[in-house]
Amino acid sequence: MDAALAESRLTPAQTPASMRVSDAAGHARKLADAIQSVFLGQRETVSLLVVALLARGHALVEDVPGVGKTTLAKALATCIDGKFSRVQLTPDLLPADLLGVSIYNAQTGDFDFKPGPIFANIVVADEVNRTTPRTQSALLEAMAEQQVSVENETRLLPPPFMVIATQNPFEFEGTYVLPENQLDRFLVKVAVGYPDREIERRILLERPGEAALAELTPVLDTQQVVGMQAAVEQVRIDQSVMDYLLDLIGRTRQDERFHLGVSPRGSLALLGASRASALVDGRDYVIPDDVKSMFLPTAGHRVITRTYLSNGDAEAGRHVLQEILDSTSVPG
């Protein structure tokens, strides 16, 4: 393995000790504030991305072009002093274009591995549904295992590692539908949405973009982020709140309107996101509101309704999930 790549991956002995939850919460707020200084969008969107990062997850951003998805990702990478890469996933993109390739070095007589754009802390995979299933599978291994297989060798990816994939919900020609097993790898699905009138006024007047990003300075380093991720594991969840979480998940599997309910991986995603949400709020324990706020972002892309199979109604699942959320008894 390339020495630089090997050193970029922390072994358990080298991993920074988990910081206190209160310290991690302060860092999380500072991170969100810094991102929002250049991304003039909804605070909830920024908070959800920070939650996904702290829960060691990936985010699928489904929205129209031009709403600031790349600015959001670049700001996140800059604020944690991490490496950022962006990949345009086209139909002719090969796995080697994403992962890297070995090139013969005539001077040494060896093959030198040239890492692809996947070797970064924050990777933006633009239009993930436009690339072929073969390249999607290469991305899937990286997301699931934080490693890639290149030329019969396993190469580890640098921590923290997060994929922010985008797709346009209104373009279908020349796209490959993401299979359920790949959708299941995204911790959350995010919709950036159009800004409200006053925010858009600020965008027009202040014109944030490359200039603002160039002036943005890191507020954390990557090792601090790894420590914050470890702090999430300290967040406790009471048995009654755990039962509430399981009730929500169970109802997605029992509701006859669903062809496919939330998987056990989805349960883990909801638990991890709820813990990270509690940490961001400065608590070392999960409350029902954490579970409620993370239920739709973590479950919405994991369920398939029977109406979706019959007429392609993609919003039906969210409506049913909202009904489940509204009608499930919340612990005191």
Protein backbone atom coordinates (compact mmCIF):
# COMPACT_ATOMS: atom_id res chain seq x y z
CA MET A 1 0.00 0.00 0.00
CA ASP A 2 1.18 3.55 -0.74
CA ALA A 3 2.81 4.94 2.41
CA ALA A 4 0.84 8.19 2.38
CA LEU A 5 -2.43 6.31 2.05
CA ALA A 6 -1.47 3.91 4.82
CA GLU A 7 -0.64 6.76 7.18
CA SER A 8 -3.91 8.54 6.41
CA ARG A 9 -5.87 5.71 8.00
CA LEU A 10 -5.79 5.73 11.80
CA THR A 11 -5.38 2.40 13.51
CA PRO A 12 -7.33 1.82 16.77
CA ALA A 13 -4.19 2.64 18.77
CA GLN A 14 -3.77 5.94 16.91
CA THR A 15 -7.41 6.98 16.97
CA PRO A 16 -7.93 10.12 19.07
CA ALA A 17 -9.62 9.46 22.39
CA SER A 18 -13.33 10.12 22.42
CA MET A 19 -13.87 13.70 23.63
CA ARG A 20 -16.50 14.75 26.12
CA VAL A 21 -19.99 15.13 24.75
CA SER A 22 -20.15 18.77 25.87
CA ASP A 23 -16.93 19.56 24.00
CA ALA A 24 -18.11 17.68 20.92
CA ALA A 25 -21.40 19.61 21.00
CA GLY A 26 -19.53 22.91 21.06
CA HIS A 27 -17.43 21.84 18.09
CA ALA A 28 -20.57 20.75 16.21
CA ARG A 29 -22.22 24.12 16.70
CA LYS A 30 -19.05 25.90 15.60
CA LEU A 31 -18.90 23.70 12.50
CA ALA A 32 -22.53 24.37 11.58
CA ASP A 33 -22.08 28.13 12.06
CA ALA A 34 -18.99 28.17 9.85
CA ILE A 35 -20.74 26.24 7.06
CA GLN A 36 -23.72 28.55 7.22
CA SER A 37 -21.48 31.59 6.78
CA VAL A 38 -21.09 30.59 3.10
CA PHE A 39 -24.14 28.38 2.57
CA LEU A 40 -27.07 30.73 2.95
CA GLY A 41 -29.66 28.00 3.16
CA GLN A 42 -31.79 26.27 5.71
CA ARG A 43 -30.15 25.62 9.06
CA GLU A 44 -31.90 22.25 9.19
CA THR A 45 -30.06 21.13 6.05
CA VAL A 46 -26.68 22.04 7.55
CA SER A 47 -27.54 20.38 10.86
CA LEU A 48 -28.60 17.19 9.08
CA LEU A 49 -25.30 17.05 7.20
CA VAL A 50 -23.35 17.55 10.45
CA VAL A 51 -25.40 14.77 12.07
CA ALA A 52 -24.59 12.45 9.16
CA LEU A 53 -20.87 13.24 9.47
CA LEU A 54 -20.82 12.61 13.22
CA ALA A 55 -22.76 9.35 12.80
CA ARG A 56 -20.15 8.16 10.26
CA GLY A 57 -22.78 8.16 7.53
CA HIS A 58 -23.28 9.33 3.96
CA ALA A 59 -25.87 11.69 2.53
CA LEU A 60 -27.98 11.49 -0.61
CA VAL A 61 -29.00 14.97 -1.76
CA GLU A 62 -31.91 14.85 -4.17
CA ASP A 63 -32.68 18.27 -5.54
CA VAL A 64 -32.62 20.45 -8.62
CA PRO A 65 -29.35 22.00 -9.87
CA GLY A 66 -28.24 25.37 -8.59
CA VAL A 67 -29.42 25.23 -4.98
CA GLY A 68 -25.95 25.08 -3.42
CA LYS A 69 -25.24 21.37 -3.01
CA THR A 70 -21.57 21.65 -4.02
CA THR A 71 -21.03 24.81 -1.96
CA LEU A 72 -22.43 22.97 1.04
CA ALA A 73 -20.06 20.02 0.58
CA LYS A 74 -17.00 22.18 -0.11
CA ALA A 75 -17.71 24.26 2.98
CA LEU A 76 -17.95 21.12 5.11
CA ALA A 77 -14.60 19.83 3.81
CA THR A 78 -12.91 23.20 4.31
CA CYS A 79 -14.22 23.65 7.84
CA ILE A 80 -12.79 20.30 8.99
CA ASP A 81 -9.50 20.92 7.15
CA GLY A 82 -10.18 17.83 5.07
CA LYS A 83 -9.52 16.85 1.49
CA PHE A 84 -12.41 17.48 -0.88
CA SER A 85 -13.03 15.87 -4.25
CA ARG A 86 -15.88 16.04 -6.72
CA VAL A 87 -16.72 13.38 -9.28
CA GLN A 88 -19.14 13.84 -12.17
CA LEU A 89 -20.68 10.38 -12.49
CA THR A 90 -21.32 9.93 -16.19
CA PRO A 91 -22.34 6.77 -18.12
CA ASP A 92 -18.80 6.34 -19.45
CA LEU A 93 -17.10 6.62 -16.03
CA LEU A 94 -15.18 3.46 -15.17
CA PRO A 95 -14.46 2.14 -11.66
CA ALA A 96 -10.75 2.90 -12.21
CA ASP A 97 -11.63 6.56 -12.84
CA LEU A 98 -13.12 6.65 -9.37
CA LEU A 99 -10.77 4.38 -7.44
CA GLY A 100 -7.40 4.96 -9.08
CA VAL A 101 -4.95 2.96 -11.17
CA SER A 102 -1.35 1.71 -11.08
CA ILE A 103 1.03 3.31 -13.58
CA TYR A 104 4.37 1.84 -14.59
CA ASN A 105 7.35 3.89 -13.41
CA ALA A 106 10.17 3.44 -15.91
CA GLN A 107 12.75 4.86 -13.48
CA THR A 108 12.06 2.42 -10.65
CA GLY A 109 10.67 -0.45 -12.67
CA ASP A 110 7.67 -0.59 -10.31
CA PHE A 111 4.00 0.21 -10.65
CA ASP A 112 2.99 3.31 -8.69
CA PHE A 113 -0.58 3.56 -7.51
CA LYS A 114 -2.26 6.83 -8.39
CA PRO A 115 -5.26 7.22 -6.08
CA GLY A 116 -8.55 8.31 -7.59
CA PRO A 117 -10.91 10.97 -6.26
CA ILE A 118 -12.47 8.50 -3.80
CA PHE A 119 -9.41 9.01 -1.58
CA ALA A 120 -10.68 12.13 0.15
CA ASN A 121 -12.48 13.02 3.37
CA ILE A 122 -15.52 14.54 1.67
CA VAL A 123 -16.45 13.16 -1.76
CA VAL A 124 -19.23 14.73 -3.82
CA ALA A 125 -20.60 12.20 -6.30
CA ASP A 126 -22.63 14.31 -8.70
CA GLU A 127 -25.61 12.66 -10.42
CA VAL A 128 -24.96 9.27 -8.89
CA ASN A 129 -27.85 7.73 -10.82
CA ARG A 130 -26.23 8.55 -14.18
CA THR A 131 -23.31 6.16 -13.87
CA THR A 132 -23.42 2.43 -14.61
CA PRO A 133 -24.21 -0.21 -11.99
CA ARG A 134 -20.59 -1.40 -12.18
CA THR A 135 -19.26 1.99 -11.07
CA GLN A 136 -22.07 2.32 -8.54
CA SER A 137 -20.90 -0.98 -7.03
CA ALA A 138 -17.36 0.37 -6.65
CA LEU A 139 -18.77 3.38 -4.83
CA LEU A 140 -20.93 1.06 -2.71
CA GLU A 141 -17.91 -0.81 -1.31
CA ALA A 142 -16.21 2.46 -0.40
CA MET A 143 -19.33 3.69 1.40
CA ALA A 144 -19.99 0.44 3.23
CA GLU A 145 -16.47 -0.63 4.17
CA GLN A 146 -14.42 2.62 4.05
CA GLN A 147 -12.06 0.75 1.76
CA VAL A 148 -11.75 -0.11 -1.92
CA SER A 149 -10.43 -3.09 -3.83
CA VAL A 150 -8.05 -2.15 -6.63
CA GLU A 151 -6.10 -4.72 -8.62
CA ASN A 152 -6.68 -7.43 -6.01
CA GLU A 153 -5.46 -5.21 -3.19
CA THR A 154 -7.50 -3.58 -0.45
CA ARG A 155 -6.76 0.06 0.16
CA LEU A 156 -8.16 1.91 3.16
CA LEU A 157 -9.77 5.33 2.89
CA PRO A 158 -8.84 8.25 5.16
CA PRO A 159 -11.04 9.02 8.17
CA PRO A 160 -13.35 10.78 8.42
CA PHE A 161 -14.82 9.62 5.12
CA MET A 162 -18.16 10.82 3.82
CA VAL A 163 -19.86 10.60 0.44
CA ILE A 164 -22.38 13.28 -0.47
CA ALA A 165 -24.15 12.00 -3.58
CA THR A 166 -26.54 14.09 -5.62
CA GLN A 167 -29.27 13.21 -8.07
CA ASN A 168 -31.87 15.20 -9.97
CA PRO A 169 -35.36 13.83 -9.21
CA PHE A 170 -36.82 15.14 -12.47
CA GLU A 171 -34.48 13.60 -15.05
CA PHE A 172 -34.94 9.97 -16.02
CA GLU A 173 -33.46 9.64 -19.51
CA GLY A 174 -30.03 8.03 -19.38
CA THR A 175 -30.21 7.25 -15.68
CA TYR A 176 -29.82 4.02 -13.73
CA VAL A 177 -32.16 3.65 -10.77
CA LEU A 178 -30.18 3.18 -7.56
CA PRO A 179 -30.84 -0.32 -6.22
CA GLU A 180 -32.24 -0.73 -2.72
CA ASN A 181 -28.95 -2.07 -1.36
CA GLN A 182 -27.18 1.14 -2.40
CA LEU A 183 -29.90 3.45 -1.15
CA ASP A 184 -29.66 1.58 2.15
CA ARG A 185 -26.01 2.70 2.47
CA PHE A 186 -26.97 6.37 2.77
CA LEU A 187 -27.60 7.37 6.35
CA VAL A 188 -29.86 10.27 5.38
CA LYS A 189 -31.60 11.69 2.35
CA VAL A 190 -31.50 15.47 2.21
CA ALA A 191 -33.54 17.97 0.21
CA VAL A 192 -31.85 21.38 0.06
CA GLY A 193 -34.88 23.14 -1.40
CA TYR A 194 -35.26 26.67 -2.71
CA PRO A 195 -34.29 29.47 -0.31
CA ASP A 196 -37.00 31.69 1.10
CA ARG A 197 -37.36 35.24 -0.18
CA GLU A 198 -35.11 36.95 2.38
CA ILE A 199 -32.36 34.35 2.08
CA GLU A 200 -32.46 34.67 -1.69
CA ARG A 201 -32.22 38.44 -1.31
CA ARG A 202 -29.01 37.92 0.70
CA ILE A 203 -27.70 35.55 -1.97
CA LEU A 204 -28.29 38.18 -4.65
CA LEU A 205 -26.67 40.95 -2.61
CA GLU A 206 -23.78 39.05 -1.01
CA ARG A 207 -23.22 36.57 -3.88
CA PRO A 208 -21.50 33.92 -1.77
CA GLY A 209 -19.55 31.39 -3.80
CA GLU A 210 -15.96 30.67 -4.68
CA ALA A 211 -14.71 33.93 -3.17
CA ALA A 212 -16.40 33.25 0.15
CA LEU A 213 -15.19 29.66 0.14
CA ALA A 214 -11.64 30.84 -0.53
CA GLU A 215 -11.80 33.00 2.60
CA LEU A 216 -13.28 30.23 4.73
CA THR A 217 -10.82 28.80 7.26
CA PRO A 218 -10.95 25.47 9.13
CA VAL A 219 -12.59 25.47 12.54
CA LEU A 220 -11.71 21.82 13.27
CA ASP A 221 -9.21 19.27 12.06
CA THR A 222 -9.98 15.74 10.90
CA GLN A 223 -8.71 14.12 14.09
CA GLN A 224 -11.10 16.25 16.14
CA VAL A 225 -13.93 15.06 13.89
CA VAL A 226 -12.91 11.43 14.51
CA GLY A 227 -12.99 12.19 18.25
CA MET A 228 -16.46 13.70 17.89
CA GLN A 229 -17.61 10.59 16.04
CA ALA A 230 -16.35 8.48 18.94
CA ALA A 231 -18.18 10.76 21.38
CA VAL A 232 -21.48 9.86 19.69
CA GLU A 233 -21.02 6.32 21.03
CA GLN A 234 -21.16 7.72 24.58
CA VAL A 235 -24.70 9.04 24.08
CA ARG A 236 -27.12 6.87 26.05
CA ILE A 237 -30.61 5.76 25.02
CA ASP A 238 -33.21 4.74 27.59
CA GLN A 239 -35.07 1.48 27.06
CA SER A 240 -38.37 3.30 26.61
CA VAL A 241 -36.90 5.46 23.84
CA MET A 242 -35.35 2.38 22.24
CA ASP A 243 -38.78 0.73 22.29
CA TYR A 244 -40.24 3.83 20.63
CA LEU A 245 -37.59 3.60 17.89
CA LEU A 246 -38.35 -0.09 17.38
CA ASP A 247 -42.09 0.62 17.26
CA LEU A 248 -41.57 3.07 14.40
CA ILE A 249 -39.35 0.67 12.48
CA GLY A 250 -41.67 -2.27 13.11
CA ARG A 251 -44.70 -0.44 11.79
CA THR A 252 -42.97 0.18 8.45
CA ARG A 253 -42.68 -3.60 8.08
CA GLN A 254 -46.26 -4.29 9.13
CA ASP A 255 -48.06 -1.59 7.15
CA GLU A 256 -49.70 -3.17 4.11
CA ARG A 257 -49.11 -0.01 2.08
CA PHE A 258 -45.39 -0.80 2.07
CA HIS A 259 -43.88 -3.36 -0.25
CA LEU A 260 -40.55 -2.96 1.56
CA GLY A 261 -40.07 -1.69 5.12
CA VAL A 262 -36.99 -0.34 6.87
CA SER A 263 -34.13 -2.84 7.14
CA PRO A 264 -32.06 -3.57 10.27
CA ARG A 265 -29.36 -1.36 8.73
CA GLY A 266 -32.01 1.36 8.69
CA SER A 267 -32.63 0.76 12.39
CA LEU A 268 -28.92 1.25 13.06
CA ALA A 269 -28.97 4.40 10.94
CA LEU A 270 -31.88 5.83 12.93
CA LEU A 271 -30.15 5.00 16.21
CA GLY A 272 -26.85 6.53 15.10
CA ALA A 273 -28.51 9.66 13.73
CA SER A 274 -30.59 10.05 16.92
CA ARG A 275 -27.46 9.81 19.06
CA ALA A 276 -25.64 12.34 16.86
CA SER A 277 -28.66 14.66 17.00
CA ALA A 278 -28.63 14.48 20.80
CA LEU A 279 -24.91 15.28 20.86
CA VAL A 280 -25.39 18.30 18.59
CA ASP A 281 -27.98 19.55 21.09
CA GLY A 282 -25.44 19.08 23.91
CA ARG A 283 -27.04 16.02 25.53
CA ASP A 284 -25.46 12.67 26.38
CA TYR A 285 -28.85 10.95 26.18
CA VAL A 286 -31.45 10.49 23.43
CA ILE A 287 -34.96 11.85 23.83
CA PRO A 288 -37.99 10.94 21.67
CA ASP A 289 -37.67 14.22 19.74
CA ASP A 290 -34.26 13.07 18.46
CA VAL A 291 -35.82 9.91 17.06
CA LYS A 292 -38.78 11.84 15.62
CA SER A 293 -36.56 14.40 13.86
CA MET A 294 -34.36 11.70 12.31
CA PHE A 295 -37.10 9.23 11.33
CA LEU A 296 -38.05 10.72 7.94
CA PRO A 297 -34.48 11.57 6.82
CA THR A 298 -33.22 8.06 7.64
CA ALA A 299 -36.28 6.02 6.63
CA GLY A 300 -37.73 7.90 3.65
CA HIS A 301 -35.36 6.44 1.06
CA ARG A 302 -35.43 2.91 2.49
CA VAL A 303 -39.12 2.11 2.04
CA ILE A 304 -41.04 1.23 -1.11
CA THR A 305 -44.80 1.63 -1.28
CA ARG A 306 -47.09 -0.50 -3.39
CA THR A 307 -48.38 2.67 -5.09
CA TYR A 308 -44.81 3.51 -6.11
CA LEU A 309 -44.56 0.12 -7.82
CA SER A 310 -47.86 0.68 -9.63
CA ASN A 311 -47.70 4.37 -10.62
CA GLY A 312 -44.28 5.69 -9.57
CA ASP A 313 -45.58 7.98 -6.82
CA ALA A 314 -42.31 8.70 -5.00
CA GLU A 315 -43.91 10.89 -2.32
CA ALA A 316 -46.37 8.25 -1.12
CA GLY A 317 -43.77 6.69 1.18
CA ARG A 318 -43.10 9.92 3.05
CA HIS A 319 -46.83 10.46 3.59
CA VAL A 320 -47.22 7.00 5.11
CA LEU A 321 -44.11 7.47 7.27
CA GLN A 322 -45.52 10.77 8.53
CA GLU A 323 -48.77 9.00 9.44
CA ILE A 324 -46.80 6.38 11.33
CA LEU A 325 -44.83 9.09 13.13
CA ASP A 326 -47.97 10.99 14.08
CA SER A 327 -49.87 7.95 15.33
CA THR A 328 -47.16 6.08 17.26
CA SER A 329 -47.31 6.52 21.03
CA VAL A 330 -44.42 8.60 22.37
CA PRO A 331 -42.90 7.65 25.75
CA GLY A 332 -43.20 10.17 28.53
